[in-house]
């Protein structure tokens, strides 16, 4: 059940961002989120006597992976949406991630990507493009926003491979606490220099903040790390192809966003592609 639950939880991240960003600037939003999660995880690690890394090298690898997976990816994605890049376009850009991971997994991790898996990855990308096609609005957003979305894409791509290679035994309690703490320190100067740091504590913002802290930063990230530990990087990354279709379903029920036949065809292609990549 872990892959399905991961896709469902991860898909709600765009929904949480959509609810919360009108009330806080993106980096300020993320700093507050990461700080809360750091305190929760550090306290939980202490209460459960979680093991902590025994060397500075291990801490360094954990910190680098966290910077890529959390600060770079979420910082790029949230700021891109804040600058007006449509969430559908961001989803298309992020949808390229499994292809990049598959290309890097061979030389860096020694994973063999078969022709069938490459076909599945390409089908997954085609499905993502079809699902979000109706949401693409040419001319909306700024060049900086699109550049930050691409930065986020490379952050989560490199972070997935890096985590698999250098942090295979990461403890989900202490390791995640270190990663989020590092991200707070790294992102806080950007909030101080480039944002006004004003937060409107509206009930929608509080709900989005709570959801992103508990469900995404604790639940979905922990599932992602478990999947990376247990499976091949290319197989785990192929699950990200299911995120835009699943997000579209959630948006349908929450915001009454309709799905046309093109989107349904894209969802079918995506599921077929993921099946080809993960099939034994």
Protein backbone atom coordinates (compact mmCIF):
# COMPACT_ATOMS: atom_id res chain seq x y z
CA UNK A 1 0.00 0.00 0.00
CA UNK A 2 2.98 2.35 0.48
CA UNK A 3 3.32 3.53 -3.16
CA UNK A 4 -0.39 4.30 -3.49
CA UNK A 5 -0.50 6.11 -0.16
CA UNK A 6 2.61 8.10 -1.07
CA UNK A 7 1.11 9.26 -4.38
CA UNK A 8 -2.14 10.29 -2.67
CA UNK A 9 -0.40 12.25 0.09
CA UNK A 10 2.20 13.85 -2.19
CA UNK A 11 -0.54 14.98 -4.60
CA UNK A 12 -2.13 17.11 -1.90
CA UNK A 13 0.99 19.29 -1.72
CA UNK A 14 -0.16 21.47 -4.61
CA UNK A 15 -3.57 21.80 -2.94
CA UNK A 16 -1.96 22.91 0.32
CA UNK A 17 0.19 25.41 -1.53
CA UNK A 18 -2.85 26.77 -3.36
CA UNK A 19 -4.64 27.31 -0.05
CA UNK A 20 -1.73 28.81 1.87
CA UNK A 21 0.23 30.98 -0.56
CA UNK A 22 -2.35 33.82 -0.70
CA UNK A 23 -1.65 34.47 3.00
CA UNK A 24 2.17 34.27 3.14
CA UNK A 25 5.10 34.66 0.78
CA UNK A 26 6.62 31.35 -0.32
CA UNK A 27 9.96 31.29 1.52
CA UNK A 28 8.41 32.64 4.71
CA UNK A 29 5.75 29.94 4.42
CA UNK A 30 8.41 27.24 4.03
CA UNK A 31 10.61 28.52 6.88
CA UNK A 32 7.67 28.41 9.29
CA UNK A 33 6.69 24.96 8.02
CA UNK A 34 10.20 23.54 8.27
CA UNK A 35 10.76 25.04 11.75
CA UNK A 36 7.59 23.42 13.10
CA UNK A 37 8.50 20.05 11.59
CA UNK A 38 12.06 20.30 12.98
CA UNK A 39 10.76 20.77 16.53
CA UNK A 40 8.26 17.92 16.16
CA UNK A 41 10.81 15.49 14.74
CA UNK A 42 13.59 16.40 17.17
CA UNK A 43 11.21 15.91 20.09
CA UNK A 44 9.98 12.60 18.70
CA UNK A 45 13.55 11.43 18.06
CA UNK A 46 14.45 12.24 21.66
CA UNK A 47 11.40 10.50 23.13
CA UNK A 48 11.99 7.35 21.09
CA UNK A 49 15.80 7.29 21.55
CA UNK A 50 16.41 7.48 17.81
CA UNK A 51 20.02 6.97 16.71
CA UNK A 52 21.83 10.06 15.46
CA UNK A 53 24.59 10.10 12.82
CA UNK A 54 27.98 9.21 14.30
CA UNK A 55 30.20 11.22 11.93
CA UNK A 56 30.31 14.67 10.40
CA UNK A 57 30.50 13.07 6.97
CA UNK A 58 27.17 11.31 7.53
CA UNK A 59 25.62 14.54 8.79
CA UNK A 60 26.95 16.34 5.72
CA UNK A 61 25.40 13.82 3.32
CA UNK A 62 22.06 14.01 5.14
CA UNK A 63 22.16 17.82 5.03
CA UNK A 64 22.94 17.92 1.30
CA UNK A 65 20.11 15.50 0.51
CA UNK A 66 17.73 17.60 2.60
CA UNK A 67 18.76 20.82 0.89
CA UNK A 68 18.03 19.25 -2.49
CA UNK A 69 14.80 17.43 -1.62
CA UNK A 70 13.24 20.11 0.58
CA UNK A 71 14.76 23.58 0.24
CA UNK A 72 15.59 23.51 -3.48
CA UNK A 73 12.56 21.58 -4.72
CA UNK A 74 9.87 23.18 -2.55
CA UNK A 75 11.50 26.60 -2.65
CA UNK A 76 11.51 26.52 -6.44
CA UNK A 77 7.99 25.13 -6.81
CA UNK A 78 6.32 27.39 -4.23
CA UNK A 79 8.05 30.54 -5.51
CA UNK A 80 7.20 29.65 -9.11
CA UNK A 81 3.49 29.36 -8.27
CA UNK A 82 3.68 32.55 -6.21
CA UNK A 83 5.14 34.37 -9.24
CA UNK A 84 2.20 33.32 -11.39
CA UNK A 85 3.35 30.14 -13.10
CA UNK A 86 0.22 27.96 -13.40
CA UNK A 87 0.28 24.86 -11.22
CA UNK A 88 -0.34 22.76 -14.34
CA UNK A 89 2.85 24.06 -15.92
CA UNK A 90 4.76 23.38 -12.70
CA UNK A 91 3.34 19.84 -12.73
CA UNK A 92 4.53 19.32 -16.31
CA UNK A 93 8.04 20.49 -15.42
CA UNK A 94 8.14 18.28 -12.32
CA UNK A 95 6.80 15.41 -14.44
CA UNK A 96 10.14 15.21 -16.25
CA UNK A 97 11.82 14.12 -13.01
CA UNK A 98 11.49 10.32 -13.49
CA UNK A 99 13.19 10.52 -16.88
CA UNK A 100 16.12 12.46 -15.41
CA UNK A 101 16.43 10.05 -12.48
CA UNK A 102 16.36 7.06 -14.83
CA UNK A 103 19.10 8.64 -16.95
CA UNK A 104 21.25 9.29 -13.87
CA UNK A 105 20.53 6.01 -12.05
CA UNK A 106 22.48 3.96 -14.59
CA UNK A 107 25.92 5.61 -14.41
CA UNK A 108 25.65 6.81 -10.78
CA UNK A 109 23.88 3.91 -9.04
CA UNK A 110 24.58 1.04 -11.42
CA UNK A 111 20.88 0.42 -12.06
CA UNK A 112 19.92 -1.23 -15.34
CA UNK A 113 17.04 0.53 -17.14
CA UNK A 114 15.47 -1.81 -19.67
CA UNK A 115 13.81 -0.81 -22.94
CA UNK A 116 10.45 -1.71 -21.44
CA UNK A 117 11.11 0.63 -18.51
CA UNK A 118 12.19 3.45 -20.84
CA UNK A 119 8.94 2.92 -22.77
CA UNK A 120 7.03 3.13 -19.51
CA UNK A 121 8.79 6.33 -18.52
CA UNK A 122 8.00 7.94 -21.87
CA UNK A 123 4.35 6.82 -21.64
CA UNK A 124 4.18 8.30 -18.15
CA UNK A 125 5.52 11.63 -19.38
CA UNK A 126 3.01 11.62 -22.27
CA UNK A 127 0.21 10.93 -19.80
CA UNK A 128 1.27 13.81 -17.55
CA UNK A 129 1.32 16.19 -20.51
CA UNK A 130 -2.20 15.15 -21.52
CA UNK A 131 -3.59 15.50 -17.99
CA UNK A 132 -2.37 19.07 -17.52
CA UNK A 133 -2.71 20.18 -21.16
CA UNK A 134 -5.95 22.04 -20.48
CA UNK A 135 -4.24 24.00 -17.67
CA UNK A 136 -1.36 25.31 -19.74
CA UNK A 137 -1.70 29.04 -20.30
CA UNK A 138 0.98 30.42 -22.58
CA UNK A 139 2.24 33.84 -21.56
CA UNK A 140 1.28 33.57 -17.88
CA UNK A 141 4.05 33.80 -15.30
CA UNK A 142 7.53 35.29 -15.39
CA UNK A 143 10.81 33.93 -16.79
CA UNK A 144 12.14 33.89 -13.22
CA UNK A 145 9.17 31.76 -12.15
CA UNK A 146 9.77 29.20 -14.89
CA UNK A 147 13.47 29.13 -14.05
CA UNK A 148 12.69 28.44 -10.39
CA UNK A 149 10.34 25.61 -11.35
CA UNK A 150 13.18 24.04 -13.35
CA UNK A 151 15.51 24.58 -10.37
CA UNK A 152 13.03 22.68 -8.20
CA UNK A 153 12.94 19.87 -10.77
CA UNK A 154 16.72 19.43 -10.66
CA UNK A 155 16.66 19.66 -6.87
CA UNK A 156 14.35 16.70 -6.38
CA UNK A 157 16.01 14.74 -9.21
CA UNK A 158 19.53 15.05 -7.83
CA UNK A 159 18.23 14.69 -4.27
CA UNK A 160 16.55 11.36 -5.05
CA UNK A 161 19.75 9.89 -6.50
CA UNK A 162 21.92 11.42 -3.76
CA UNK A 163 19.70 10.06 -0.98
CA UNK A 164 19.77 6.57 -2.52
CA UNK A 165 23.56 6.60 -2.89
CA UNK A 166 24.80 8.33 0.27
CA UNK A 167 22.02 8.03 2.88
CA UNK A 168 20.66 4.47 2.57
CA UNK A 169 20.42 3.99 6.34
CA UNK A 170 18.88 7.37 7.19
CA UNK A 171 16.79 7.26 10.37
CA UNK A 172 13.44 8.84 9.56
CA UNK A 173 13.30 10.65 12.90
CA UNK A 174 16.76 12.05 13.54
CA UNK A 175 17.76 12.25 9.86
CA UNK A 176 14.67 14.20 8.86
CA UNK A 177 15.09 16.53 11.86
CA UNK A 178 18.62 17.35 10.65
CA UNK A 179 17.42 17.94 7.10
CA UNK A 180 14.61 20.30 8.04
CA UNK A 181 16.80 22.21 10.51
CA UNK A 182 19.41 22.77 7.79
CA UNK A 183 16.68 23.99 5.43
CA UNK A 184 15.46 26.53 8.01
CA UNK A 185 18.97 27.94 8.34
CA UNK A 186 19.47 27.99 4.56
CA UNK A 187 16.14 29.59 3.61
CA UNK A 188 15.75 32.11 6.46
CA UNK A 189 18.21 34.64 4.93
CA UNK A 190 16.23 34.63 1.66
CA UNK A 191 13.04 35.42 3.59
CA UNK A 192 14.83 38.21 5.47
CA UNK A 193 16.36 39.76 2.35
CA UNK A 194 13.62 39.37 -0.28
CA UNK A 195 10.27 39.07 1.52
CA UNK A 196 8.25 41.20 3.92
CA UNK A 197 7.61 38.17 6.23
CA UNK A 198 3.98 39.15 6.82
CA UNK A 199 1.65 36.23 7.51
CA UNK A 200 -2.13 36.51 7.55
CA UNK A 201 -3.19 33.85 10.05
CA UNK A 202 -6.38 32.99 8.22
CA UNK A 203 -8.09 29.67 8.93
CA UNK A 204 -7.26 28.48 5.41
CA UNK A 205 -3.58 29.25 5.99
CA UNK A 206 -3.61 27.44 9.34
CA UNK A 207 -5.23 24.40 7.75
CA UNK A 208 -2.74 24.42 4.87
CA UNK A 209 0.20 24.83 7.26
CA UNK A 210 -0.97 22.01 9.49
CA UNK A 211 -1.65 19.73 6.53
CA UNK A 212 1.71 20.39 4.90
CA UNK A 213 3.59 19.93 8.19
CA UNK A 214 1.92 16.71 9.33
CA UNK A 215 0.75 14.99 6.15
CA UNK A 216 3.46 16.10 3.70
CA UNK A 217 6.61 16.85 5.68
CA UNK A 218 6.17 13.98 8.14
CA UNK A 219 4.00 11.44 6.33
CA UNK A 220 4.74 11.71 2.60
CA UNK A 221 8.48 12.44 3.00
CA UNK A 222 8.90 9.46 5.34
CA UNK A 223 7.17 7.23 2.80
CA UNK A 224 9.39 8.59 0.02
CA UNK A 225 12.54 7.80 2.01
CA UNK A 226 11.29 4.28 2.78
CA UNK A 227 10.53 3.70 -0.89
CA UNK A 228 13.96 5.00 -1.93
CA UNK A 229 15.58 2.69 0.62
CA UNK A 230 13.66 -0.40 -0.53
CA UNK A 231 13.46 0.09 -4.30
CA UNK A 232 15.43 1.24 -7.31
CA UNK A 233 15.61 5.00 -7.78
CA UNK A 234 14.05 4.85 -11.26
CA UNK A 235 11.13 2.75 -10.01
CA UNK A 236 10.45 5.07 -7.08
CA UNK A 237 10.68 8.16 -9.29
CA UNK A 238 8.18 6.69 -11.75
CA UNK A 239 5.53 7.13 -9.05
CA UNK A 240 5.80 10.90 -9.53
CA UNK A 241 4.09 10.44 -12.91
CA UNK A 242 0.92 9.58 -10.95
CA UNK A 243 0.99 12.82 -8.95
CA UNK A 244 -0.53 15.23 -11.55
CA UNK A 245 -3.46 12.89 -12.37
CA UNK A 246 -4.09 12.31 -8.68
CA UNK A 247 -3.88 16.04 -8.02
CA UNK A 248 -6.45 16.58 -10.77
CA UNK A 249 -8.79 14.14 -9.02
CA UNK A 250 -8.37 15.89 -5.67
CA UNK A 251 -8.96 19.28 -7.34
CA UNK A 252 -12.13 17.89 -8.92
CA UNK A 253 -13.62 17.01 -5.54
CA UNK A 254 -12.37 20.12 -3.70
CA UNK A 255 -12.62 22.82 -6.38
CA UNK A 256 -14.98 21.20 -8.92
CA UNK A 257 -12.29 21.25 -11.62
CA UNK A 258 -13.59 19.05 -14.44
CA UNK A 259 -11.67 16.30 -16.21
CA UNK A 260 -12.10 15.99 -19.96
CA UNK A 261 -11.56 12.92 -22.12
CA UNK A 262 -7.99 14.04 -22.84
CA UNK A 263 -7.19 14.07 -19.12
CA UNK A 264 -8.75 10.64 -18.63
CA UNK A 265 -6.68 9.27 -21.52
CA UNK A 266 -3.57 10.80 -19.95
CA UNK A 267 -4.34 9.16 -16.62
CA UNK A 268 -4.66 5.77 -18.34
CA UNK A 269 -1.32 6.26 -20.15
CA UNK A 270 0.35 7.30 -16.91
CA UNK A 271 -0.84 4.22 -15.02
CA UNK A 272 0.28 1.99 -17.89
CA UNK A 273 3.70 3.65 -17.91
CA UNK A 274 4.17 3.20 -14.15
CA UNK A 275 3.13 -0.46 -14.47
CA UNK A 276 5.76 -1.02 -17.19
CA UNK A 277 8.51 0.59 -15.11
CA UNK A 278 7.72 -1.32 -11.91
CA UNK A 279 6.77 -4.68 -13.38
CA UNK A 280 9.20 -7.47 -12.41
